[in-house]
Amino acid sequence: MRLLTGDTHGDIISRLKCLKKQKGYVIVLGDFGLLWNGGKDEKFTIDWLNKQTFITLFVDGNHENHDMIDALETVDMFDSSAGKVSDNIFHLKRGNVYNIDGKKFLSFGGAASIDYDMRTPGKSWWPQEVATYRDFNNAIFNLEKVDYKIDYIVSHTCPESITSVFGEKIIDDPTSLMLEELDKLCSYKKLFFGHWHVDQEIGDKYHALYKTIKELS
């Protein structure tokens, strides 16, 4: 079982409680929100996820405590490296290619917050939310190893050319621009992303997910 869903903002129990005792992997497409301030609600949710039979994976979004994510222990996983939250929860790092249950996934999290000027640096906003050229170069390095052939891209935002579909174009988001280049370089089936709080398919290749839980074949 490989499942995908959109932004949970810490409220993942209500989203996933329907899965019960299914085994496999659930990938949250950014704004996971479980690493925020280390409060009681977060600890309760992490304990709940640890008791499930599936493993929770997440791409980082913009509304995350990136200091906490950066401080995670790095472990070898899925022929690559991931950040370990617990034995059952892992962060998929930007630019890494993961072999998850026989399918290759390029992870490329991050996005620019349009509300950053209303947030407090180090408390509700972190500059690491935007992808860097180091992240992009890491993606190129790992894609070269698989001859630029993967099955899926999982990200938080979407390629720059797709943003206008949602009635808003963030022209100064380097993350979307980098995804635009990666989109052109890769041979892959589909790109799944969150960020926009909608469930929508754009053509056959691009899929925005929010509350939908989508299973991959």
N, C-alpha and C. Protein backbone atom coordinates (compact mmCIF):
# COMPACT_ATOMS: atom_id res chain seq x y z
N MET A 1 0.84 -1.20 0.00
CA MET A 1 0.00 0.00 0.00
C MET A 1 0.87 1.24 0.00
N ARG A 2 0.65 2.10 -0.99
CA ARG A 2 1.31 3.41 -1.03
C ARG A 2 0.22 4.46 -1.18
N LEU A 3 0.03 5.28 -0.16
CA LEU A 3 -1.02 6.28 -0.17
C LEU A 3 -0.43 7.68 -0.12
N LEU A 4 -1.13 8.63 -0.74
CA LEU A 4 -0.73 10.03 -0.74
C LEU A 4 -1.89 10.89 -0.25
N THR A 5 -1.56 11.94 0.50
CA THR A 5 -2.58 12.90 0.89
C THR A 5 -1.93 14.28 1.02
N GLY A 6 -2.77 15.31 1.12
CA GLY A 6 -2.27 16.67 1.15
C GLY A 6 -1.99 17.19 2.55
N ASP A 7 -1.96 18.48 2.69
CA ASP A 7 -1.57 19.16 3.92
C ASP A 7 -2.45 18.71 5.10
N THR A 8 -1.81 18.36 6.20
CA THR A 8 -2.55 17.95 7.39
C THR A 8 -2.46 18.97 8.51
N HIS A 9 -1.43 19.82 8.50
CA HIS A 9 -1.28 20.88 9.50
C HIS A 9 -1.44 20.35 10.93
N GLY A 10 -0.89 19.18 11.18
CA GLY A 10 -0.91 18.60 12.51
C GLY A 10 -2.14 17.76 12.80
N ASP A 11 -3.21 17.94 12.04
CA ASP A 11 -4.47 17.23 12.30
C ASP A 11 -4.55 15.99 11.42
N ILE A 12 -3.62 15.07 11.64
CA ILE A 12 -3.53 13.92 10.75
C ILE A 12 -4.39 12.75 11.22
N ILE A 13 -4.74 12.71 12.50
CA ILE A 13 -5.51 11.59 13.02
C ILE A 13 -6.87 11.50 12.33
N SER A 14 -7.56 12.63 12.22
CA SER A 14 -8.88 12.62 11.58
C SER A 14 -8.78 12.21 10.12
N ARG A 15 -7.64 12.49 9.48
CA ARG A 15 -7.46 12.15 8.06
C ARG A 15 -7.21 10.64 7.88
N LEU A 16 -6.45 10.05 8.79
CA LEU A 16 -5.97 8.69 8.57
C LEU A 16 -6.63 7.62 9.44
N LYS A 17 -7.51 8.01 10.33
CA LYS A 17 -8.10 7.02 11.23
C LYS A 17 -8.92 5.96 10.47
N CYS A 18 -9.31 6.27 9.25
CA CYS A 18 -10.07 5.32 8.44
C CYS A 18 -9.21 4.15 7.96
N LEU A 19 -7.88 4.28 8.05
CA LEU A 19 -6.99 3.24 7.52
C LEU A 19 -6.91 2.02 8.42
N LYS A 20 -7.16 2.22 9.70
CA LYS A 20 -7.16 1.13 10.67
C LYS A 20 -5.87 0.31 10.56
N LYS A 21 -5.98 -0.98 10.28
CA LYS A 21 -4.80 -1.85 10.37
C LYS A 21 -4.17 -2.15 9.01
N GLN A 22 -4.27 -1.21 8.08
CA GLN A 22 -3.63 -1.39 6.79
C GLN A 22 -2.12 -1.23 6.93
N LYS A 23 -1.38 -1.96 6.11
CA LYS A 23 0.07 -1.90 6.14
C LYS A 23 0.59 -1.22 4.87
N GLY A 24 1.70 -0.53 5.00
CA GLY A 24 2.29 0.14 3.86
C GLY A 24 2.79 1.51 4.24
N TYR A 25 2.64 2.48 3.33
CA TYR A 25 3.22 3.81 3.51
C TYR A 25 2.20 4.89 3.17
N VAL A 26 2.19 5.93 3.98
CA VAL A 26 1.37 7.11 3.71
C VAL A 26 2.32 8.30 3.57
N ILE A 27 2.24 9.00 2.44
CA ILE A 27 3.09 10.18 2.20
C ILE A 27 2.23 11.43 2.29
N VAL A 28 2.60 12.34 3.20
CA VAL A 28 1.94 13.63 3.34
C VAL A 28 2.72 14.65 2.51
N LEU A 29 2.02 15.37 1.64
CA LEU A 29 2.67 16.26 0.66
C LEU A 29 2.90 17.67 1.21
N GLY A 30 3.56 17.73 2.35
CA GLY A 30 3.94 19.03 2.92
C GLY A 30 2.93 19.59 3.89
N ASP A 31 3.37 20.62 4.64
CA ASP A 31 2.58 21.19 5.73
C ASP A 31 2.05 20.07 6.63
N PHE A 32 2.96 19.17 6.96
CA PHE A 32 2.69 18.06 7.86
C PHE A 32 2.28 18.63 9.23
N GLY A 33 3.04 19.61 9.72
CA GLY A 33 2.65 20.36 10.90
C GLY A 33 2.83 19.66 12.22
N LEU A 34 3.45 18.47 12.22
CA LEU A 34 3.60 17.76 13.49
C LEU A 34 4.87 18.14 14.23
N LEU A 35 5.78 18.81 13.55
CA LEU A 35 6.97 19.34 14.21
C LEU A 35 6.80 20.85 14.23
N TRP A 36 6.23 21.35 15.31
CA TRP A 36 5.93 22.77 15.38
C TRP A 36 6.45 23.40 16.66
N ASN A 37 5.96 22.90 17.81
CA ASN A 37 6.42 23.47 19.09
C ASN A 37 6.63 22.41 20.17
N GLY A 38 6.48 21.14 19.79
CA GLY A 38 6.70 20.07 20.75
C GLY A 38 5.65 19.97 21.84
N GLY A 39 4.46 20.51 21.60
CA GLY A 39 3.40 20.53 22.60
C GLY A 39 2.74 19.18 22.82
N LYS A 40 1.79 19.15 23.75
CA LYS A 40 1.11 17.91 24.12
C LYS A 40 0.34 17.31 22.95
N ASP A 41 -0.31 18.16 22.15
CA ASP A 41 -1.08 17.65 21.01
C ASP A 41 -0.17 16.96 20.01
N GLU A 42 1.01 17.53 19.78
CA GLU A 42 1.96 16.92 18.85
C GLU A 42 2.42 15.56 19.37
N LYS A 43 2.77 15.50 20.64
CA LYS A 43 3.24 14.26 21.23
C LYS A 43 2.15 13.19 21.19
N PHE A 44 0.91 13.59 21.44
CA PHE A 44 -0.21 12.65 21.37
C PHE A 44 -0.36 12.08 19.96
N THR A 45 -0.26 12.97 18.96
CA THR A 45 -0.43 12.54 17.57
C THR A 45 0.73 11.65 17.13
N ILE A 46 1.94 11.98 17.53
CA ILE A 46 3.10 11.14 17.21
C ILE A 46 2.94 9.76 17.84
N ASP A 47 2.48 9.72 19.08
CA ASP A 47 2.24 8.43 19.75
C ASP A 47 1.19 7.62 19.00
N TRP A 48 0.14 8.31 18.51
CA TRP A 48 -0.92 7.63 17.76
C TRP A 48 -0.36 7.04 16.47
N LEU A 49 0.42 7.81 15.74
CA LEU A 49 1.01 7.33 14.50
C LEU A 49 1.94 6.16 14.75
N ASN A 50 2.68 6.19 15.85
CA ASN A 50 3.60 5.11 16.17
C ASN A 50 2.88 3.78 16.42
N LYS A 51 1.62 3.84 16.77
CA LYS A 51 0.84 2.63 17.05
C LYS A 51 0.18 2.05 15.80
N GLN A 52 0.27 2.78 14.68
CA GLN A 52 -0.40 2.33 13.46
C GLN A 52 0.45 1.28 12.74
N THR A 53 -0.19 0.51 11.87
CA THR A 53 0.52 -0.53 11.13
C THR A 53 1.18 0.01 9.87
N PHE A 54 0.86 1.25 9.48
CA PHE A 54 1.50 1.87 8.33
C PHE A 54 2.61 2.82 8.80
N ILE A 55 3.52 3.12 7.90
CA ILE A 55 4.61 4.08 8.16
C ILE A 55 4.24 5.41 7.53
N THR A 56 4.41 6.49 8.29
CA THR A 56 4.08 7.83 7.80
C THR A 56 5.35 8.52 7.30
N LEU A 57 5.30 9.01 6.08
CA LEU A 57 6.39 9.75 5.46
C LEU A 57 5.87 11.14 5.11
N PHE A 58 6.73 12.14 5.15
CA PHE A 58 6.25 13.47 4.77
C PHE A 58 7.31 14.27 4.03
N VAL A 59 6.85 14.99 3.03
CA VAL A 59 7.63 16.02 2.35
C VAL A 59 7.41 17.31 3.15
N ASP A 60 8.43 18.10 3.33
CA ASP A 60 8.24 19.34 4.09
C ASP A 60 7.54 20.40 3.24
N GLY A 61 6.69 21.20 3.89
CA GLY A 61 6.02 22.30 3.23
C GLY A 61 6.60 23.63 3.68
N ASN A 62 5.81 24.69 3.55
CA ASN A 62 6.28 26.00 4.02
C ASN A 62 5.86 26.25 5.46
N HIS A 63 4.69 25.75 5.85
CA HIS A 63 4.24 25.93 7.22
C HIS A 63 4.72 24.77 8.09
N GLU A 64 6.02 24.78 8.35
CA GLU A 64 6.68 23.79 9.19
C GLU A 64 7.71 24.51 10.07
N ASN A 65 8.07 23.88 11.18
CA ASN A 65 9.20 24.36 11.97
C ASN A 65 10.45 23.71 11.38
N HIS A 66 11.09 24.42 10.49
CA HIS A 66 12.22 23.84 9.76
C HIS A 66 13.44 23.66 10.64
N ASP A 67 13.53 24.39 11.73
CA ASP A 67 14.63 24.15 12.67
C ASP A 67 14.51 22.75 13.27
N MET A 68 13.29 22.35 13.61
CA MET A 68 13.07 21.02 14.17
C MET A 68 13.31 19.94 13.13
N ILE A 69 12.89 20.20 11.89
CA ILE A 69 13.13 19.22 10.82
C ILE A 69 14.62 19.07 10.55
N ASP A 70 15.33 20.19 10.51
CA ASP A 70 16.78 20.14 10.24
C ASP A 70 17.54 19.41 11.35
N ALA A 71 16.97 19.38 12.55
CA ALA A 71 17.65 18.76 13.70
C ALA A 71 17.38 17.26 13.80
N LEU A 72 16.55 16.71 12.92
CA LEU A 72 16.23 15.29 12.98
C LEU A 72 17.46 14.43 12.69
N GLU A 73 17.51 13.29 13.32
CA GLU A 73 18.55 12.30 13.04
C GLU A 73 18.39 11.81 11.61
N THR A 74 19.47 11.70 10.87
CA THR A 74 19.45 11.18 9.51
C THR A 74 19.72 9.69 9.53
N VAL A 75 18.86 8.93 8.87
CA VAL A 75 19.00 7.48 8.82
C VAL A 75 18.95 7.00 7.37
N ASP A 76 19.56 5.85 7.12
CA ASP A 76 19.50 5.24 5.80
C ASP A 76 18.14 4.60 5.60
N MET A 77 17.51 4.90 4.48
CA MET A 77 16.15 4.40 4.24
C MET A 77 15.81 4.48 2.76
N PHE A 78 15.18 3.45 2.23
CA PHE A 78 14.70 3.45 0.85
C PHE A 78 15.81 3.76 -0.15
N ASP A 79 16.98 3.18 0.04
CA ASP A 79 18.15 3.41 -0.82
C ASP A 79 18.60 4.86 -0.82
N SER A 80 18.31 5.59 0.24
CA SER A 80 18.68 6.99 0.36
C SER A 80 18.79 7.33 1.85
N SER A 81 18.56 8.58 2.20
CA SER A 81 18.59 8.99 3.61
C SER A 81 17.34 9.80 3.92
N ALA A 82 16.87 9.68 5.15
CA ALA A 82 15.65 10.37 5.58
C ALA A 82 15.84 10.89 6.99
N GLY A 83 15.00 11.85 7.38
CA GLY A 83 15.02 12.36 8.73
C GLY A 83 14.08 11.53 9.60
N LYS A 84 14.57 11.09 10.76
CA LYS A 84 13.78 10.22 11.61
C LYS A 84 13.10 11.00 12.73
N VAL A 85 11.76 11.00 12.73
CA VAL A 85 10.99 11.58 13.82
C VAL A 85 10.79 10.53 14.91
N SER A 86 10.46 9.31 14.47
CA SER A 86 10.26 8.17 15.37
C SER A 86 10.41 6.91 14.53
N ASP A 87 10.19 5.76 15.14
CA ASP A 87 10.33 4.50 14.40
C ASP A 87 9.31 4.35 13.30
N ASN A 88 8.27 5.19 13.30
CA ASN A 88 7.18 5.04 12.34
C ASN A 88 6.93 6.31 11.51
N ILE A 89 7.77 7.35 11.70
CA ILE A 89 7.55 8.63 11.03
C ILE A 89 8.88 9.15 10.49
N PHE A 90 8.91 9.49 9.20
CA PHE A 90 10.17 9.91 8.58
C PHE A 90 9.95 11.09 7.62
N HIS A 91 10.95 11.95 7.54
CA HIS A 91 10.94 13.09 6.62
C HIS A 91 11.70 12.73 5.34
N LEU A 92 11.06 12.92 4.18
CA LEU A 92 11.70 12.70 2.89
C LEU A 92 12.42 13.98 2.48
N LYS A 93 13.72 13.92 2.41
CA LYS A 93 14.54 15.10 2.19
C LYS A 93 14.46 15.60 0.75
N ARG A 94 14.67 16.89 0.60
CA ARG A 94 14.62 17.53 -0.72
C ARG A 94 15.72 17.01 -1.64
N GLY A 95 15.32 16.62 -2.81
CA GLY A 95 16.29 16.21 -3.82
C GLY A 95 16.71 14.76 -3.74
N ASN A 96 16.20 14.01 -2.77
CA ASN A 96 16.54 12.60 -2.67
C ASN A 96 15.59 11.75 -3.50
N VAL A 97 16.12 10.67 -4.04
CA VAL A 97 15.31 9.70 -4.78
C VAL A 97 15.14 8.47 -3.90
N TYR A 98 13.91 8.10 -3.63
CA TYR A 98 13.60 7.00 -2.73
C TYR A 98 12.95 5.84 -3.49
N ASN A 99 13.40 4.64 -3.16
CA ASN A 99 12.80 3.43 -3.70
C ASN A 99 11.82 2.90 -2.66
N ILE A 100 10.54 3.22 -2.82
CA ILE A 100 9.52 2.87 -1.84
C ILE A 100 8.64 1.77 -2.42
N ASP A 101 8.82 0.59 -1.90
CA ASP A 101 8.00 -0.54 -2.31
C ASP A 101 8.07 -0.75 -3.83
N GLY A 102 9.27 -0.63 -4.37
CA GLY A 102 9.48 -0.93 -5.78
C GLY A 102 9.25 0.21 -6.75
N LYS A 103 8.91 1.41 -6.25
CA LYS A 103 8.71 2.58 -7.10
C LYS A 103 9.68 3.68 -6.70
N LYS A 104 10.19 4.41 -7.68
CA LYS A 104 11.15 5.48 -7.42
C LYS A 104 10.42 6.83 -7.30
N PHE A 105 10.67 7.51 -6.19
CA PHE A 105 10.06 8.81 -5.90
C PHE A 105 11.16 9.86 -5.75
N LEU A 106 11.04 10.98 -6.47
CA LEU A 106 11.86 12.15 -6.19
C LEU A 106 11.09 13.03 -5.22
N SER A 107 11.69 13.35 -4.10
CA SER A 107 11.08 14.25 -3.12
C SER A 107 11.67 15.65 -3.29
N PHE A 108 10.78 16.65 -3.34
CA PHE A 108 11.27 18.03 -3.44
C PHE A 108 10.29 18.96 -2.73
N GLY A 109 10.48 19.08 -1.42
CA GLY A 109 9.59 19.88 -0.59
C GLY A 109 9.91 21.36 -0.62
N GLY A 110 9.14 22.10 0.18
CA GLY A 110 9.35 23.54 0.30
C GLY A 110 8.40 24.36 -0.55
N ALA A 111 8.26 25.62 -0.18
CA ALA A 111 7.45 26.60 -0.91
C ALA A 111 7.57 27.93 -0.20
N ALA A 112 7.26 29.00 -0.89
CA ALA A 112 7.28 30.34 -0.30
C ALA A 112 5.91 30.65 0.29
N SER A 113 5.88 31.16 1.52
CA SER A 113 4.63 31.55 2.17
C SER A 113 4.20 32.94 1.71
N ILE A 114 2.97 33.05 1.23
CA ILE A 114 2.48 34.36 0.82
C ILE A 114 2.11 35.21 2.03
N ASP A 115 2.01 34.58 3.20
CA ASP A 115 1.64 35.30 4.42
C ASP A 115 2.82 35.48 5.37
N TYR A 116 4.05 35.38 4.83
CA TYR A 116 5.23 35.43 5.70
C TYR A 116 5.33 36.74 6.48
N ASP A 117 4.81 37.84 5.90
CA ASP A 117 4.92 39.13 6.58
C ASP A 117 3.99 39.23 7.80
N MET A 118 3.09 38.26 7.94
CA MET A 118 2.20 38.23 9.10
C MET A 118 2.66 37.19 10.13
N ARG A 119 3.81 36.59 9.87
CA ARG A 119 4.33 35.55 10.76
C ARG A 119 5.59 36.02 11.47
N THR A 120 5.96 35.30 12.52
CA THR A 120 7.11 35.67 13.34
C THR A 120 8.29 34.75 13.04
N PRO A 121 9.42 35.30 12.56
CA PRO A 121 10.59 34.46 12.28
C PRO A 121 11.02 33.66 13.51
N GLY A 122 11.27 32.37 13.29
CA GLY A 122 11.71 31.51 14.37
C GLY A 122 10.60 31.01 15.27
N LYS A 123 9.37 31.46 15.01
CA LYS A 123 8.24 31.03 15.82
C LYS A 123 7.10 30.50 14.96
N SER A 124 6.80 31.20 13.88
CA SER A 124 5.74 30.73 12.98
C SER A 124 6.17 30.80 11.51
N TRP A 125 7.43 31.15 11.28
CA TRP A 125 7.96 31.22 9.91
C TRP A 125 9.47 30.98 9.95
N TRP A 126 9.97 30.21 8.96
CA TRP A 126 11.38 29.89 8.90
C TRP A 126 11.88 30.07 7.46
N PRO A 127 13.01 30.74 7.28
CA PRO A 127 13.50 30.99 5.92
C PRO A 127 13.83 29.73 5.14
N GLN A 128 14.06 28.62 5.82
CA GLN A 128 14.38 27.37 5.13
C GLN A 128 13.19 26.81 4.37
N GLU A 129 12.03 27.47 4.45
CA GLU A 129 10.85 26.97 3.74
C GLU A 129 11.06 26.93 2.23
N VAL A 130 11.90 27.81 1.71
CA VAL A 130 12.13 27.89 0.26
C VAL A 130 13.31 26.99 -0.13
N ALA A 131 13.13 26.21 -1.19
CA ALA A 131 14.21 25.35 -1.67
C ALA A 131 15.40 26.18 -2.13
N THR A 132 16.58 25.61 -2.00
CA THR A 132 17.82 26.28 -2.37
C THR A 132 18.45 25.58 -3.57
N TYR A 133 19.47 26.22 -4.13
CA TYR A 133 20.18 25.57 -5.23
C TYR A 133 20.95 24.35 -4.75
N ARG A 134 21.26 24.29 -3.48
CA ARG A 134 21.86 23.08 -2.93
C ARG A 134 20.86 21.93 -3.01
N ASP A 135 19.59 22.21 -2.70
CA ASP A 135 18.55 21.20 -2.83
C ASP A 135 18.39 20.77 -4.29
N PHE A 136 18.40 21.75 -5.19
CA PHE A 136 18.26 21.47 -6.62
C PHE A 136 19.42 20.62 -7.12
N ASN A 137 20.64 20.98 -6.74
CA ASN A 137 21.82 20.23 -7.16
C ASN A 137 21.81 18.82 -6.58
N ASN A 138 21.27 18.68 -5.38
CA ASN A 138 21.14 17.34 -4.80
C ASN A 138 20.19 16.50 -5.64
N ALA A 139 19.11 17.12 -6.12
CA ALA A 139 18.16 16.41 -6.99
C ALA A 139 18.84 15.97 -8.28
N ILE A 140 19.60 16.86 -8.88
CA ILE A 140 20.29 16.53 -10.13
C ILE A 140 21.28 15.39 -9.90
N PHE A 141 22.03 15.46 -8.82
CA PHE A 141 23.01 14.42 -8.48
C PHE A 141 22.33 13.05 -8.36
N ASN A 142 21.21 13.01 -7.66
CA ASN A 142 20.52 11.73 -7.45
C ASN A 142 19.77 11.26 -8.68
N LEU A 143 19.26 12.19 -9.48
CA LEU A 143 18.59 11.80 -10.72
C LEU A 143 19.58 11.23 -11.74
N GLU A 144 20.78 11.76 -11.75
CA GLU A 144 21.80 11.23 -12.66
C GLU A 144 22.06 9.76 -12.38
N LYS A 145 21.99 9.38 -11.12
CA LYS A 145 22.27 7.99 -10.73
C LYS A 145 21.21 7.02 -11.24
N VAL A 146 20.01 7.55 -11.55
CA VAL A 146 18.94 6.68 -12.06
C VAL A 146 18.59 7.05 -13.51
N ASP A 147 19.55 7.73 -14.16
CA ASP A 147 19.39 8.10 -15.57
C ASP A 147 18.15 8.97 -15.80
N TYR A 148 17.81 9.79 -14.79
CA TYR A 148 16.68 10.72 -14.85
C TYR A 148 15.34 10.02 -15.06
N LYS A 149 15.29 8.73 -14.73
CA LYS A 149 14.05 7.97 -14.89
C LYS A 149 13.52 7.57 -13.51
N ILE A 150 12.35 8.09 -13.17
CA ILE A 150 11.71 7.78 -11.91
C ILE A 150 10.24 7.48 -12.17
N ASP A 151 9.52 7.13 -11.13
CA ASP A 151 8.09 6.87 -11.29
C ASP A 151 7.25 8.09 -10.93
N TYR A 152 7.59 8.74 -9.82
CA TYR A 152 6.77 9.85 -9.33
C TYR A 152 7.63 10.96 -8.74
N ILE A 153 7.11 12.18 -8.79
CA ILE A 153 7.65 13.30 -8.03
C ILE A 153 6.65 13.64 -6.95
N VAL A 154 7.11 13.77 -5.71
CA VAL A 154 6.26 14.21 -4.61
C VAL A 154 6.84 15.52 -4.08
N SER A 155 6.00 16.54 -4.04
CA SER A 155 6.46 17.87 -3.66
C SER A 155 5.38 18.57 -2.84
N HIS A 156 5.68 19.80 -2.40
CA HIS A 156 4.65 20.57 -1.70
C HIS A 156 3.96 21.51 -2.68
N THR A 157 4.73 22.36 -3.33
CA THR A 157 4.15 23.21 -4.37
C THR A 157 4.33 22.52 -5.71
N CYS A 158 3.99 23.22 -6.78
CA CYS A 158 4.01 22.63 -8.12
C CYS A 158 4.98 23.42 -9.01
N PRO A 159 5.25 22.90 -10.21
CA PRO A 159 6.07 23.67 -11.16
C PRO A 159 5.45 25.04 -11.46
N GLU A 160 6.29 25.99 -11.73
CA GLU A 160 5.87 27.38 -11.90
C GLU A 160 4.78 27.55 -12.96
N SER A 161 4.85 26.77 -14.04
CA SER A 161 3.87 26.91 -15.12
C SER A 161 2.48 26.44 -14.72
N ILE A 162 2.37 25.69 -13.62
CA ILE A 162 1.07 25.16 -13.18
C ILE A 162 0.40 26.08 -12.16
N THR A 163 1.15 26.97 -11.52
CA THR A 163 0.58 27.78 -10.43
C THR A 163 -0.58 28.64 -10.88
N SER A 164 -0.58 29.09 -12.13
CA SER A 164 -1.65 29.97 -12.61
C SER A 164 -3.00 29.27 -12.67
N VAL A 165 -3.00 27.94 -12.67
CA VAL A 165 -4.25 27.18 -12.67
C VAL A 165 -5.08 27.52 -11.44
N PHE A 166 -4.41 27.88 -10.35
CA PHE A 166 -5.10 28.13 -9.09
C PHE A 166 -5.45 29.60 -8.89
N GLY A 167 -5.32 30.38 -9.97
CA GLY A 167 -5.73 31.77 -9.91
C GLY A 167 -4.75 32.68 -9.21
N GLU A 168 -3.56 32.17 -8.96
CA GLU A 168 -2.57 32.97 -8.25
C GLU A 168 -1.20 32.49 -8.70
N LYS A 169 -0.33 33.42 -9.02
CA LYS A 169 1.00 33.05 -9.50
C LYS A 169 2.05 33.68 -8.60
N ILE A 170 2.82 32.84 -7.90
CA ILE A 170 3.88 33.33 -7.03
C ILE A 170 5.16 33.37 -7.85
N ILE A 171 5.45 34.51 -8.43
CA ILE A 171 6.55 34.58 -9.40
C ILE A 171 7.92 34.59 -8.71
N ASP A 172 7.94 34.81 -7.38
CA ASP A 172 9.23 34.90 -6.71
C ASP A 172 9.48 33.68 -5.82
N ASP A 173 8.89 32.55 -6.15
CA ASP A 173 9.12 31.33 -5.40
C ASP A 173 10.14 30.46 -6.14
N PRO A 174 11.38 30.44 -5.67
CA PRO A 174 12.40 29.62 -6.33
C PRO A 174 12.05 28.15 -6.36
N THR A 175 11.27 27.68 -5.39
CA THR A 175 10.91 26.27 -5.34
C THR A 175 10.13 25.86 -6.59
N SER A 176 9.14 26.66 -6.97
CA SER A 176 8.35 26.36 -8.17
C SER A 176 9.20 26.42 -9.43
N LEU A 177 10.12 27.37 -9.48
CA LEU A 177 11.00 27.48 -10.64
C LEU A 177 11.92 26.27 -10.75
N MET A 178 12.41 25.78 -9.62
CA MET A 178 13.26 24.58 -9.64
C MET A 178 12.46 23.36 -10.05
N LEU A 179 11.22 23.26 -9.54
CA LEU A 179 10.37 22.15 -9.95
C LEU A 179 10.06 22.20 -11.44
N GLU A 180 9.96 23.39 -11.99
CA GLU A 180 9.75 23.54 -13.43
C GLU A 180 10.91 22.91 -14.21
N GLU A 181 12.12 23.15 -13.75
CA GLU A 181 13.29 22.57 -14.42
C GLU A 181 13.35 21.07 -14.23
N LEU A 182 13.07 20.60 -13.02
CA LEU A 182 13.09 19.17 -12.76
C LEU A 182 12.02 18.46 -13.58
N ASP A 183 10.88 19.11 -13.74
CA ASP A 183 9.79 18.55 -14.54
C ASP A 183 10.24 18.30 -15.98
N LYS A 184 11.05 19.20 -16.51
CA LYS A 184 11.53 19.08 -17.88
C LYS A 184 12.64 18.03 -18.01
N LEU A 185 13.42 17.86 -16.95
CA LEU A 185 14.58 16.97 -17.01
C LEU A 185 14.22 15.50 -16.83
N CYS A 186 13.16 15.24 -16.05
CA CYS A 186 12.83 13.87 -15.64
C CYS A 186 11.91 13.16 -16.63
N SER A 187 12.05 11.87 -16.65
CA SER A 187 11.06 11.00 -17.27
C SER A 187 10.30 10.34 -16.11
N TYR A 188 9.00 10.64 -15.99
CA TYR A 188 8.23 10.12 -14.87
C TYR A 188 6.75 10.06 -15.23
N LYS A 189 5.96 9.41 -14.35
CA LYS A 189 4.54 9.22 -14.63
C LYS A 189 3.68 10.39 -14.16
N LYS A 190 3.81 10.74 -12.88
CA LYS A 190 2.93 11.76 -12.30
C LYS A 190 3.66 12.55 -11.23
N LEU A 191 3.21 13.79 -11.04
CA LEU A 191 3.71 14.66 -9.98
C LEU A 191 2.55 14.97 -9.04
N PHE A 192 2.76 14.68 -7.75
CA PHE A 192 1.73 14.92 -6.73
C PHE A 192 2.20 16.03 -5.80
N PHE A 193 1.32 16.96 -5.50
CA PHE A 193 1.68 18.08 -4.63
C PHE A 193 0.49 18.51 -3.79
N GLY A 194 0.78 19.26 -2.72
CA GLY A 194 -0.26 19.79 -1.83
C GLY A 194 -0.34 21.31 -1.98
N HIS A 195 -0.20 22.03 -0.87
CA HIS A 195 -0.01 23.48 -0.83
C HIS A 195 -1.26 24.31 -1.11
N TRP A 196 -2.04 23.94 -2.13
CA TRP A 196 -3.12 24.81 -2.60
C TRP A 196 -4.47 24.51 -1.95
N HIS A 197 -4.51 23.50 -1.11
CA HIS A 197 -5.75 23.15 -0.39
C HIS A 197 -6.92 22.86 -1.33
N VAL A 198 -6.60 22.14 -2.40
CA VAL A 198 -7.63 21.68 -3.33
C VAL A 198 -7.29 20.26 -3.76
N ASP A 199 -8.31 19.53 -4.18
CA ASP A 199 -8.12 18.22 -4.81
C ASP A 199 -8.46 18.41 -6.28
N GLN A 200 -7.43 18.38 -7.12
CA GLN A 200 -7.64 18.70 -8.53
C GLN A 200 -6.58 18.03 -9.40
N GLU A 201 -7.01 17.49 -10.52
CA GLU A 201 -6.09 16.94 -11.51
C GLU A 201 -5.91 17.94 -12.63
N ILE A 202 -4.68 18.19 -13.01
CA ILE A 202 -4.37 19.08 -14.12
C ILE A 202 -3.77 18.22 -15.23
N GLY A 203 -4.59 17.90 -16.20
CA GLY A 203 -4.15 16.97 -17.23
C GLY A 203 -3.96 15.59 -16.64
N ASP A 204 -3.12 14.80 -17.27
CA ASP A 204 -2.86 13.44 -16.80
C ASP A 204 -1.67 13.36 -15.85
N LYS A 205 -0.91 14.44 -15.74
CA LYS A 205 0.39 14.35 -15.07
C LYS A 205 0.44 15.00 -13.70
N TYR A 206 -0.31 16.06 -13.49
CA TYR A 206 -0.19 16.84 -12.26
C TYR A 206 -1.42 16.67 -11.39
N HIS A 207 -1.20 16.36 -10.11
CA HIS A 207 -2.30 16.08 -9.20
C HIS A 207 -2.12 16.86 -7.91
N ALA A 208 -3.02 17.79 -7.66
CA ALA A 208 -3.04 18.51 -6.38
C ALA A 208 -3.92 17.72 -5.41
N LEU A 209 -3.39 17.45 -4.23
CA LEU A 209 -4.14 16.70 -3.23
C LEU A 209 -4.28 17.54 -1.97
N TYR A 210 -5.44 17.42 -1.36
CA TYR A 210 -5.67 18.05 -0.06
C TYR A 210 -6.25 16.99 0.88
N LYS A 211 -7.55 16.84 0.92
CA LYS A 211 -8.15 15.89 1.84
C LYS A 211 -8.31 14.49 1.25
N THR A 212 -8.14 14.38 -0.05
CA THR A 212 -8.21 13.07 -0.68
C THR A 212 -7.03 12.19 -0.24
N ILE A 213 -7.30 10.91 -0.05
CA ILE A 213 -6.24 9.92 0.17
C ILE A 213 -6.18 9.06 -1.08
N LYS A 214 -5.09 9.21 -1.82
CA LYS A 214 -4.98 8.53 -3.13
C LYS A 214 -4.04 7.34 -3.02
N GLU A 215 -4.48 6.23 -3.55
CA GLU A 215 -3.64 5.04 -3.54
C GLU A 215 -2.95 4.88 -4.90
N LEU A 216 -1.65 4.58 -4.85
CA LEU A 216 -0.90 4.34 -6.06
C LEU A 216 -0.88 2.85 -6.36
N SER A 217 -0.98 2.51 -7.61
CA SER A 217 -0.96 1.09 -8.01
C SER A 217 0.47 0.60 -8.04
